[in-house]
């Protein structure tokens, strides 16, 4: 039988102190140095340094995954592999040739500083419209703006968008570009 400390760590016969827990070695006993126990009970072992380091690494990795999960929202169980890339390109108006990337699942467009995309057009209300990406498709919703939101020259309240659709917000015409993969 192997020599053990009082916590049950297996030790080299030459060791007088356990390197794992610092406990003294139990002198030779009928159980080979292992403390006598009631039948069926297991020794309560203190984790080794290696085990403690591995547990800390697991804790740090779990915390990182949890933080990433708070930053990333799953679309749904069956659509979790759906990814998209979308943007608006101003064709005319005060911001001609400007490109606005839609980075969130919901992007609010308006003249307010709090808008995700802030437009300097005098005919754009503070919260004019919003783009939503849901179920693998983009939608444009007018947020009760004074001058309306248009897709392909038709006033909309909510409309599904396709790559190449023309969107008018305020006095500016945009082309909506998207790639869903």
N, C-alpha and C. Protein backbone atom coordinates (compact mmCIF):
# COMPACT_ATOMS: atom_id res chain seq x y z
N UNK A 1 0.83 -1.18 0.00
CA UNK A 1 0.00 0.00 0.00
C UNK A 1 0.87 1.24 0.00
N UNK A 2 0.36 2.29 -0.59
CA UNK A 2 1.11 3.54 -0.70
C UNK A 2 1.01 4.34 0.59
N UNK A 3 1.98 5.17 0.81
CA UNK A 3 2.04 6.05 1.97
C UNK A 3 1.15 7.27 1.65
N UNK A 4 0.36 7.74 2.66
CA UNK A 4 -0.54 8.88 2.43
C UNK A 4 -0.43 9.88 3.57
N UNK A 5 -0.93 11.09 3.31
CA UNK A 5 -1.04 12.09 4.37
C UNK A 5 -2.40 11.94 5.02
N UNK A 6 -2.72 12.79 6.00
CA UNK A 6 -3.99 12.68 6.71
C UNK A 6 -5.18 13.02 5.82
N UNK A 7 -4.94 13.72 4.70
CA UNK A 7 -6.02 14.05 3.76
C UNK A 7 -6.19 12.99 2.69
N UNK A 8 -5.31 12.00 2.67
CA UNK A 8 -5.45 10.90 1.71
C UNK A 8 -4.64 11.04 0.45
N UNK A 9 -3.79 12.08 0.33
CA UNK A 9 -2.94 12.23 -0.86
C UNK A 9 -1.88 11.13 -0.86
N UNK A 10 -1.66 10.53 -2.00
CA UNK A 10 -0.65 9.48 -2.12
C UNK A 10 0.71 10.14 -2.20
N UNK A 11 1.66 9.63 -1.39
CA UNK A 11 2.97 10.25 -1.26
C UNK A 11 4.08 9.28 -1.60
N UNK A 12 5.20 9.84 -1.97
CA UNK A 12 6.43 9.07 -2.16
C UNK A 12 6.89 8.61 -0.77
N UNK A 13 7.43 7.41 -0.65
CA UNK A 13 7.86 6.91 0.67
C UNK A 13 8.89 7.80 1.36
N UNK A 14 9.66 8.60 0.60
CA UNK A 14 10.70 9.42 1.22
C UNK A 14 10.17 10.75 1.76
N UNK A 15 8.93 11.14 1.45
CA UNK A 15 8.38 12.42 1.87
C UNK A 15 7.92 12.38 3.32
N UNK A 16 8.21 13.45 4.06
CA UNK A 16 7.78 13.58 5.46
C UNK A 16 6.58 14.53 5.57
N UNK A 17 6.44 15.45 4.56
CA UNK A 17 5.34 16.41 4.52
C UNK A 17 4.69 16.32 3.13
N UNK A 18 3.38 16.39 3.09
CA UNK A 18 2.64 16.31 1.83
C UNK A 18 2.83 17.61 1.05
N UNK A 19 3.32 17.54 -0.21
CA UNK A 19 3.50 18.76 -1.01
C UNK A 19 2.18 19.37 -1.49
N UNK A 20 1.09 18.64 -1.41
CA UNK A 20 -0.20 19.12 -1.88
C UNK A 20 -0.93 19.96 -0.83
N UNK A 21 -0.87 19.49 0.43
CA UNK A 21 -1.64 20.19 1.47
C UNK A 21 -0.78 20.61 2.66
N UNK A 22 0.46 20.18 2.73
CA UNK A 22 1.34 20.57 3.82
C UNK A 22 1.12 19.78 5.10
N UNK A 23 0.28 18.78 5.08
CA UNK A 23 0.01 17.95 6.25
C UNK A 23 1.18 17.00 6.48
N UNK A 24 1.32 16.59 7.73
CA UNK A 24 2.35 15.61 8.07
C UNK A 24 1.94 14.25 7.56
N UNK A 25 2.95 13.44 7.31
CA UNK A 25 2.70 12.09 6.83
C UNK A 25 2.28 11.23 8.01
N UNK A 26 1.28 10.39 7.80
CA UNK A 26 0.82 9.47 8.84
C UNK A 26 1.84 8.36 8.96
N UNK A 27 2.26 8.06 10.15
CA UNK A 27 3.23 6.96 10.29
C UNK A 27 2.63 5.65 9.81
N UNK A 28 3.54 4.74 9.48
CA UNK A 28 3.08 3.44 8.97
C UNK A 28 2.04 2.85 9.90
N UNK A 29 0.99 2.40 9.29
CA UNK A 29 -0.10 1.78 10.04
C UNK A 29 -0.52 0.54 9.30
N UNK A 30 -1.41 -0.24 9.88
CA UNK A 30 -1.82 -1.48 9.21
C UNK A 30 -2.36 -1.22 7.81
N UNK A 31 -2.89 -0.04 7.55
CA UNK A 31 -3.43 0.27 6.23
C UNK A 31 -2.38 0.85 5.31
N UNK A 32 -1.12 0.68 5.57
CA UNK A 32 -0.06 1.19 4.69
C UNK A 32 0.09 2.69 4.79
N UNK A 33 -0.22 3.27 5.92
CA UNK A 33 -0.07 4.71 6.06
C UNK A 33 -1.38 5.44 5.83
N UNK A 34 -2.37 4.78 5.29
CA UNK A 34 -3.67 5.41 5.05
C UNK A 34 -4.47 5.38 6.34
N UNK A 35 -5.13 6.46 6.67
CA UNK A 35 -5.92 6.47 7.90
C UNK A 35 -7.05 5.46 7.82
N UNK A 36 -7.39 4.90 8.95
CA UNK A 36 -8.48 3.93 8.93
C UNK A 36 -9.80 4.68 8.83
N UNK A 37 -10.72 4.11 8.04
CA UNK A 37 -12.01 4.74 7.82
C UNK A 37 -13.10 3.72 7.99
N UNK A 38 -14.29 4.24 8.12
CA UNK A 38 -15.41 3.33 8.15
C UNK A 38 -15.62 2.80 6.74
N UNK A 39 -16.07 1.59 6.67
CA UNK A 39 -16.26 0.96 5.37
C UNK A 39 -17.29 1.75 4.57
N UNK A 40 -17.01 1.98 3.29
CA UNK A 40 -17.93 2.67 2.40
C UNK A 40 -17.71 4.17 2.33
N UNK A 41 -16.91 4.77 3.20
CA UNK A 41 -16.69 6.21 3.12
C UNK A 41 -15.44 6.50 2.31
N UNK A 42 -15.44 7.62 1.61
CA UNK A 42 -14.29 8.00 0.78
C UNK A 42 -13.55 9.14 1.48
N UNK A 43 -12.24 9.22 1.27
CA UNK A 43 -11.50 10.30 1.91
C UNK A 43 -11.84 11.63 1.26
N UNK A 44 -11.89 12.70 2.06
CA UNK A 44 -12.11 14.04 1.55
C UNK A 44 -10.74 14.60 1.18
N UNK A 45 -10.45 14.65 -0.11
CA UNK A 45 -9.15 15.09 -0.57
C UNK A 45 -9.15 16.57 -0.88
N UNK A 46 -8.12 17.24 -0.47
CA UNK A 46 -7.94 18.65 -0.83
C UNK A 46 -7.43 18.66 -2.26
N UNK A 47 -7.95 19.56 -3.11
CA UNK A 47 -7.49 19.58 -4.50
C UNK A 47 -6.00 19.93 -4.60
N UNK A 48 -5.36 19.33 -5.57
CA UNK A 48 -3.95 19.63 -5.81
C UNK A 48 -3.84 20.99 -6.47
N UNK A 49 -2.64 21.52 -6.51
CA UNK A 49 -2.41 22.81 -7.16
C UNK A 49 -2.85 22.73 -8.61
N UNK A 50 -2.52 21.65 -9.27
CA UNK A 50 -2.89 21.47 -10.68
C UNK A 50 -4.41 21.47 -10.83
N UNK A 51 -5.11 20.80 -9.93
CA UNK A 51 -6.58 20.78 -9.98
C UNK A 51 -7.15 22.16 -9.71
N UNK A 52 -6.56 22.89 -8.77
CA UNK A 52 -7.03 24.24 -8.48
C UNK A 52 -6.83 25.17 -9.68
N UNK A 53 -5.67 25.04 -10.35
CA UNK A 53 -5.41 25.86 -11.54
C UNK A 53 -6.40 25.52 -12.64
N UNK A 54 -6.65 24.22 -12.85
CA UNK A 54 -7.60 23.79 -13.89
C UNK A 54 -9.00 24.32 -13.58
N UNK A 55 -9.40 24.27 -12.29
CA UNK A 55 -10.71 24.77 -11.91
C UNK A 55 -10.81 26.27 -12.14
N UNK A 56 -9.74 27.01 -11.84
CA UNK A 56 -9.73 28.46 -12.05
C UNK A 56 -9.83 28.78 -13.55
N UNK A 57 -9.09 28.02 -14.38
CA UNK A 57 -9.16 28.23 -15.83
C UNK A 57 -10.57 27.98 -16.33
N UNK A 58 -11.22 26.93 -15.86
CA UNK A 58 -12.59 26.64 -16.26
C UNK A 58 -13.52 27.77 -15.85
N UNK A 59 -13.33 28.31 -14.62
CA UNK A 59 -14.15 29.40 -14.15
C UNK A 59 -13.98 30.64 -15.02
N UNK A 60 -12.72 30.96 -15.39
CA UNK A 60 -12.45 32.13 -16.22
C UNK A 60 -13.06 31.94 -17.61
N UNK A 61 -12.93 30.74 -18.18
CA UNK A 61 -13.51 30.46 -19.50
C UNK A 61 -15.03 30.56 -19.46
N UNK A 62 -15.64 30.04 -18.40
CA UNK A 62 -17.10 30.12 -18.28
C UNK A 62 -17.55 31.57 -18.15
N UNK A 63 -16.79 32.38 -17.40
CA UNK A 63 -17.12 33.79 -17.25
C UNK A 63 -17.00 34.52 -18.59
N UNK A 64 -15.95 34.19 -19.38
CA UNK A 64 -15.78 34.82 -20.69
C UNK A 64 -16.94 34.44 -21.62
N UNK A 65 -17.36 33.17 -21.58
CA UNK A 65 -18.49 32.75 -22.41
C UNK A 65 -19.77 33.46 -22.00
N UNK A 66 -19.96 33.63 -20.70
CA UNK A 66 -21.14 34.31 -20.20
C UNK A 66 -21.16 35.77 -20.64
N UNK A 67 -20.01 36.43 -20.58
CA UNK A 67 -19.92 37.83 -21.04
C UNK A 67 -20.18 37.92 -22.53
N UNK A 68 -19.63 36.98 -23.31
CA UNK A 68 -19.86 36.98 -24.75
C UNK A 68 -21.34 36.73 -25.06
N UNK A 69 -21.98 35.88 -24.27
CA UNK A 69 -23.40 35.59 -24.49
C UNK A 69 -24.25 36.82 -24.23
N UNK A 70 -23.83 37.66 -23.26
CA UNK A 70 -24.58 38.89 -22.99
C UNK A 70 -24.44 39.87 -24.14
N UNK A 71 -23.33 39.83 -24.86
CA UNK A 71 -23.10 40.75 -25.97
C UNK A 71 -23.70 40.24 -27.27
N UNK A 72 -23.89 38.94 -27.37
CA UNK A 72 -24.38 38.34 -28.59
C UNK A 72 -25.75 37.74 -28.34
N UNK A 73 -26.71 38.08 -29.16
CA UNK A 73 -28.05 37.55 -29.02
C UNK A 73 -28.30 36.56 -30.14
N UNK A 74 -28.74 35.38 -29.77
CA UNK A 74 -29.06 34.35 -30.76
C UNK A 74 -30.35 34.73 -31.47
N UNK A 75 -30.40 34.56 -32.78
CA UNK A 75 -31.61 34.86 -33.54
C UNK A 75 -32.71 33.88 -33.13
N UNK A 76 -32.43 32.59 -33.21
CA UNK A 76 -33.30 31.55 -32.69
C UNK A 76 -32.54 30.25 -32.79
N UNK A 77 -33.10 29.20 -32.19
CA UNK A 77 -32.41 27.91 -32.19
C UNK A 77 -32.10 27.43 -33.61
N UNK A 78 -33.09 27.49 -34.51
CA UNK A 78 -32.86 26.96 -35.85
C UNK A 78 -32.17 27.95 -36.78
N UNK A 79 -32.17 29.24 -36.43
CA UNK A 79 -31.54 30.24 -37.28
C UNK A 79 -30.18 30.71 -36.76
N UNK A 80 -29.60 29.99 -35.77
CA UNK A 80 -28.40 30.50 -35.13
C UNK A 80 -27.23 30.63 -36.10
N UNK A 81 -27.25 29.95 -37.23
CA UNK A 81 -26.16 30.07 -38.19
C UNK A 81 -26.38 31.19 -39.20
N UNK A 82 -27.54 31.86 -39.16
CA UNK A 82 -27.85 32.93 -40.09
C UNK A 82 -27.04 34.17 -39.71
N UNK A 83 -26.31 34.68 -40.66
CA UNK A 83 -25.54 35.90 -40.45
C UNK A 83 -25.89 36.85 -41.58
N UNK A 84 -25.68 38.13 -41.35
CA UNK A 84 -26.03 39.09 -42.38
C UNK A 84 -25.06 40.25 -42.38
N UNK A 85 -25.08 40.93 -43.48
CA UNK A 85 -24.31 42.15 -43.66
C UNK A 85 -25.22 43.08 -44.46
N UNK A 86 -25.48 44.27 -43.93
CA UNK A 86 -26.40 45.19 -44.62
C UNK A 86 -25.93 46.62 -44.45
N UNK A 87 -26.28 47.44 -45.44
CA UNK A 87 -25.91 48.85 -45.38
C UNK A 87 -26.81 49.66 -46.30
N UNK A 88 -26.83 50.98 -46.04
CA UNK A 88 -27.55 51.95 -46.87
C UNK A 88 -26.53 52.82 -47.55
N UNK A 89 -26.77 53.13 -48.82
CA UNK A 89 -25.89 54.03 -49.56
C UNK A 89 -26.74 55.20 -50.03
N UNK A 90 -26.36 56.41 -49.62
CA UNK A 90 -27.11 57.62 -49.99
C UNK A 90 -26.85 57.93 -51.46
N UNK A 91 -27.92 58.04 -52.24
CA UNK A 91 -27.79 58.31 -53.67
C UNK A 91 -27.85 59.80 -53.98
N UNK A 92 -28.47 60.58 -53.09
CA UNK A 92 -28.60 62.03 -53.31
C UNK A 92 -28.80 62.69 -51.96
N UNK A 93 -29.23 63.94 -51.96
CA UNK A 93 -29.52 64.64 -50.72
C UNK A 93 -28.28 65.14 -50.00
N UNK A 94 -28.45 65.59 -48.76
CA UNK A 94 -27.36 66.22 -48.02
C UNK A 94 -26.18 65.29 -47.72
N UNK A 95 -26.42 64.01 -47.68
CA UNK A 95 -25.33 63.08 -47.37
C UNK A 95 -24.99 62.17 -48.56
N UNK A 96 -25.08 62.71 -49.75
CA UNK A 96 -24.83 61.94 -50.97
C UNK A 96 -23.53 61.14 -50.89
N UNK A 97 -23.60 59.87 -51.27
CA UNK A 97 -22.49 58.91 -51.32
C UNK A 97 -22.06 58.40 -49.94
N UNK A 98 -22.75 58.81 -48.89
CA UNK A 98 -22.43 58.28 -47.56
C UNK A 98 -22.93 56.84 -47.47
N UNK A 99 -22.19 56.03 -46.72
CA UNK A 99 -22.56 54.63 -46.52
C UNK A 99 -22.78 54.40 -45.03
N UNK A 100 -23.91 53.79 -44.70
CA UNK A 100 -24.26 53.52 -43.31
C UNK A 100 -24.43 52.02 -43.15
N UNK A 101 -23.63 51.41 -42.29
CA UNK A 101 -23.72 49.98 -42.06
C UNK A 101 -24.72 49.69 -40.95
N UNK A 102 -25.57 48.70 -41.16
CA UNK A 102 -26.56 48.29 -40.15
C UNK A 102 -25.90 47.22 -39.29
N UNK A 103 -25.43 47.61 -38.12
CA UNK A 103 -24.62 46.73 -37.29
C UNK A 103 -25.42 45.96 -36.24
N UNK A 104 -26.62 46.38 -35.95
CA UNK A 104 -27.41 45.75 -34.89
C UNK A 104 -28.62 45.03 -35.48
N UNK A 105 -29.26 44.20 -34.65
CA UNK A 105 -30.51 43.56 -35.08
C UNK A 105 -31.62 44.59 -35.22
N UNK A 106 -31.52 45.69 -34.46
CA UNK A 106 -32.47 46.80 -34.60
C UNK A 106 -31.65 48.08 -34.67
N UNK A 107 -31.80 48.80 -35.77
CA UNK A 107 -31.06 50.05 -35.98
C UNK A 107 -32.06 51.18 -36.19
N UNK A 108 -32.00 52.19 -35.31
CA UNK A 108 -32.91 53.33 -35.41
C UNK A 108 -32.22 54.44 -36.21
N UNK A 109 -32.98 54.99 -37.18
CA UNK A 109 -32.50 56.08 -38.03
C UNK A 109 -33.29 57.33 -37.69
N UNK A 110 -32.59 58.45 -37.50
CA UNK A 110 -33.28 59.70 -37.20
C UNK A 110 -32.29 60.84 -37.06
N UNK A 111 -32.82 62.00 -36.66
CA UNK A 111 -31.96 63.19 -36.51
C UNK A 111 -31.43 63.34 -35.09
N UNK A 112 -31.96 62.58 -34.13
CA UNK A 112 -31.55 62.69 -32.74
C UNK A 112 -30.15 62.11 -32.53
N UNK A 113 -29.45 62.66 -31.54
CA UNK A 113 -28.11 62.17 -31.20
C UNK A 113 -28.16 60.71 -30.76
N UNK A 114 -29.27 60.26 -30.17
CA UNK A 114 -29.40 58.90 -29.66
C UNK A 114 -29.65 57.88 -30.78
N UNK A 115 -29.91 58.34 -31.99
CA UNK A 115 -30.17 57.42 -33.10
C UNK A 115 -28.91 56.63 -33.43
N UNK A 116 -29.12 55.38 -33.85
CA UNK A 116 -27.97 54.55 -34.26
C UNK A 116 -27.33 55.13 -35.51
N UNK A 117 -28.18 55.61 -36.43
CA UNK A 117 -27.69 56.32 -37.63
C UNK A 117 -28.32 57.70 -37.58
N UNK A 118 -27.47 58.71 -37.39
CA UNK A 118 -27.95 60.09 -37.28
C UNK A 118 -27.84 60.76 -38.65
N UNK A 119 -28.97 61.27 -39.14
CA UNK A 119 -29.01 61.91 -40.44
C UNK A 119 -29.20 63.42 -40.26
N UNK A 120 -28.48 64.20 -41.05
CA UNK A 120 -28.56 65.66 -40.97
C UNK A 120 -29.52 66.25 -41.98
N UNK A 121 -30.59 65.58 -42.27
CA UNK A 121 -31.60 66.02 -43.23
C UNK A 121 -32.71 66.73 -42.46
N UNK A 122 -33.08 67.94 -42.86
CA UNK A 122 -34.10 68.72 -42.13
C UNK A 122 -35.48 68.09 -42.18
N UNK A 123 -35.71 67.14 -43.08
CA UNK A 123 -37.01 66.50 -43.20
C UNK A 123 -37.06 65.14 -42.49
N UNK A 124 -36.03 64.83 -41.70
CA UNK A 124 -35.98 63.58 -40.94
C UNK A 124 -36.34 63.90 -39.49
N UNK A 125 -37.29 63.14 -38.91
CA UNK A 125 -37.66 63.34 -37.51
C UNK A 125 -36.63 62.69 -36.59
N UNK A 126 -36.73 62.98 -35.31
CA UNK A 126 -35.71 62.51 -34.37
C UNK A 126 -35.62 60.98 -34.34
N UNK A 127 -36.74 60.28 -34.37
CA UNK A 127 -36.77 58.81 -34.48
C UNK A 127 -37.64 58.51 -35.69
N UNK A 128 -37.05 58.51 -36.86
CA UNK A 128 -37.79 58.46 -38.12
C UNK A 128 -38.20 57.03 -38.48
N UNK A 129 -37.26 56.10 -38.50
CA UNK A 129 -37.54 54.72 -38.93
C UNK A 129 -36.56 53.78 -38.26
N UNK A 130 -36.87 52.47 -38.35
CA UNK A 130 -35.94 51.48 -37.81
C UNK A 130 -35.84 50.28 -38.74
N UNK A 131 -34.65 49.74 -38.80
CA UNK A 131 -34.37 48.52 -39.56
C UNK A 131 -34.26 47.39 -38.55
N UNK A 132 -34.94 46.27 -38.83
CA UNK A 132 -34.90 45.09 -37.95
C UNK A 132 -34.41 43.90 -38.76
N UNK A 133 -33.57 43.09 -38.16
CA UNK A 133 -33.19 41.82 -38.77
C UNK A 133 -33.75 40.73 -37.88
N UNK A 134 -34.69 39.97 -38.41
CA UNK A 134 -35.31 38.89 -37.65
C UNK A 134 -35.70 37.76 -38.60
N UNK A 135 -35.56 36.55 -38.12
CA UNK A 135 -35.91 35.34 -38.89
C UNK A 135 -35.24 35.34 -40.26
N UNK A 136 -34.02 35.83 -40.33
CA UNK A 136 -33.25 35.78 -41.57
C UNK A 136 -33.66 36.80 -42.61
N UNK A 137 -34.37 37.87 -42.21
CA UNK A 137 -34.83 38.87 -43.16
C UNK A 137 -34.80 40.26 -42.52
N UNK A 138 -34.57 41.28 -43.35
CA UNK A 138 -34.59 42.67 -42.89
C UNK A 138 -35.98 43.28 -43.11
N UNK A 139 -36.40 44.10 -42.14
CA UNK A 139 -37.65 44.82 -42.22
C UNK A 139 -37.37 46.29 -41.92
N UNK A 140 -38.12 47.18 -42.58
CA UNK A 140 -38.05 48.61 -42.33
C UNK A 140 -39.40 49.05 -41.78
N UNK A 141 -39.37 49.76 -40.64
CA UNK A 141 -40.59 50.23 -39.99
C UNK A 141 -40.53 51.74 -39.84
N UNK A 142 -41.59 52.43 -40.28
CA UNK A 142 -41.70 53.87 -40.05
C UNK A 142 -42.13 54.08 -38.61
N UNK A 143 -41.46 55.00 -37.91
CA UNK A 143 -41.76 55.25 -36.49
C UNK A 143 -42.64 56.50 -36.34
N UNK A 144 -43.74 56.52 -37.09
CA UNK A 144 -44.70 57.65 -37.08
C UNK A 144 -44.01 58.97 -37.42
N UNK A 145 -43.17 58.93 -38.43
CA UNK A 145 -42.46 60.14 -38.85
C UNK A 145 -43.41 61.11 -39.54
N UNK A 146 -43.06 62.39 -39.51
CA UNK A 146 -43.92 63.43 -40.10
C UNK A 146 -43.98 63.31 -41.62
N UNK A 147 -42.86 63.00 -42.26
CA UNK A 147 -42.80 62.97 -43.73
C UNK A 147 -42.83 61.57 -44.33
N UNK A 148 -42.94 60.55 -43.50
CA UNK A 148 -43.08 59.19 -44.00
C UNK A 148 -41.76 58.54 -44.40
N UNK A 149 -41.85 57.23 -44.60
CA UNK A 149 -40.73 56.40 -45.06
C UNK A 149 -41.22 55.65 -46.29
N UNK A 150 -40.38 55.58 -47.30
CA UNK A 150 -40.79 55.00 -48.58
C UNK A 150 -39.83 53.89 -48.99
N UNK A 151 -40.41 52.82 -49.58
CA UNK A 151 -39.62 51.74 -50.17
C UNK A 151 -40.11 51.59 -51.60
N UNK A 152 -39.19 51.74 -52.55
CA UNK A 152 -39.52 51.66 -53.98
C UNK A 152 -40.69 52.59 -54.33
N UNK A 153 -40.62 53.83 -53.82
CA UNK A 153 -41.58 54.91 -54.07
C UNK A 153 -42.97 54.66 -53.50
N UNK A 154 -43.13 53.73 -52.55
CA UNK A 154 -44.41 53.51 -51.90
C UNK A 154 -44.24 53.76 -50.41
N UNK A 155 -45.17 54.56 -49.85
CA UNK A 155 -45.11 54.85 -48.42
C UNK A 155 -45.42 53.57 -47.64
N UNK A 156 -44.64 53.34 -46.59
CA UNK A 156 -44.80 52.10 -45.82
C UNK A 156 -44.98 52.41 -44.34
N UNK A 157 -45.55 51.45 -43.62
CA UNK A 157 -45.51 51.47 -42.17
C UNK A 157 -44.52 50.40 -41.70
N UNK A 158 -44.58 49.23 -42.38
CA UNK A 158 -43.60 48.17 -42.16
C UNK A 158 -43.50 47.36 -43.43
N UNK A 159 -42.26 47.06 -43.84
CA UNK A 159 -42.07 46.35 -45.11
C UNK A 159 -40.82 45.49 -45.04
N UNK A 160 -40.89 44.28 -45.56
CA UNK A 160 -39.72 43.42 -45.71
C UNK A 160 -38.84 43.97 -46.83
N UNK A 161 -37.54 43.94 -46.63
CA UNK A 161 -36.62 44.51 -47.62
C UNK A 161 -35.86 43.43 -48.36
N UNK A 162 -35.54 43.73 -49.61
CA UNK A 162 -34.72 42.87 -50.45
C UNK A 162 -33.49 43.65 -50.87
N UNK A 163 -32.43 42.95 -51.19
CA UNK A 163 -31.21 43.58 -51.68
C UNK A 163 -31.54 44.41 -52.93
N UNK A 164 -31.12 45.68 -52.93
CA UNK A 164 -31.35 46.56 -54.07
C UNK A 164 -32.59 47.43 -53.96
N UNK A 165 -33.39 47.26 -52.90
CA UNK A 165 -34.57 48.13 -52.71
C UNK A 165 -34.12 49.57 -52.53
N UNK A 166 -34.97 50.50 -53.05
CA UNK A 166 -34.71 51.94 -52.87
C UNK A 166 -35.52 52.42 -51.68
N UNK A 167 -34.85 53.08 -50.75
CA UNK A 167 -35.47 53.58 -49.54
C UNK A 167 -35.35 55.09 -49.53
N UNK A 168 -36.46 55.80 -49.20
CA UNK A 168 -36.40 57.25 -49.06
C UNK A 168 -36.74 57.63 -47.63
N UNK A 169 -35.82 58.33 -47.00
CA UNK A 169 -36.00 58.85 -45.65
C UNK A 169 -35.69 60.33 -45.73
N UNK A 170 -36.68 61.18 -45.41
CA UNK A 170 -36.51 62.62 -45.58
C UNK A 170 -36.40 62.94 -47.06
N UNK A 171 -35.43 63.78 -47.45
CA UNK A 171 -35.23 64.13 -48.86
C UNK A 171 -34.22 63.22 -49.56
N UNK A 172 -33.67 62.26 -48.84
CA UNK A 172 -32.59 61.46 -49.38
C UNK A 172 -33.07 60.09 -49.82
N UNK A 173 -32.62 59.67 -51.01
CA UNK A 173 -32.88 58.33 -51.52
C UNK A 173 -31.65 57.48 -51.24
N UNK A 174 -31.91 56.27 -50.78
CA UNK A 174 -30.84 55.32 -50.44
C UNK A 174 -31.09 54.04 -51.23
N UNK A 175 -30.02 53.30 -51.42
CA UNK A 175 -30.17 51.95 -51.92
C UNK A 175 -29.82 51.03 -50.76
N UNK A 176 -30.69 50.04 -50.52
CA UNK A 176 -30.48 49.08 -49.44
C UNK A 176 -29.72 47.89 -50.01
N UNK A 177 -28.59 47.59 -49.43
CA UNK A 177 -27.79 46.43 -49.86
C UNK A 177 -27.68 45.46 -48.70
N UNK A 178 -27.85 44.17 -48.98
CA UNK A 178 -27.68 43.18 -47.91
C UNK A 178 -27.19 41.87 -48.49
N UNK A 179 -26.52 41.16 -47.62
CA UNK A 179 -26.06 39.81 -47.95
C UNK A 179 -26.35 38.95 -46.74
N UNK A 180 -27.18 37.94 -46.91
CA UNK A 180 -27.53 37.03 -45.82
C UNK A 180 -26.89 35.69 -46.16
N UNK A 181 -26.09 35.20 -45.24
CA UNK A 181 -25.39 33.92 -45.48
C UNK A 181 -25.47 33.04 -44.26
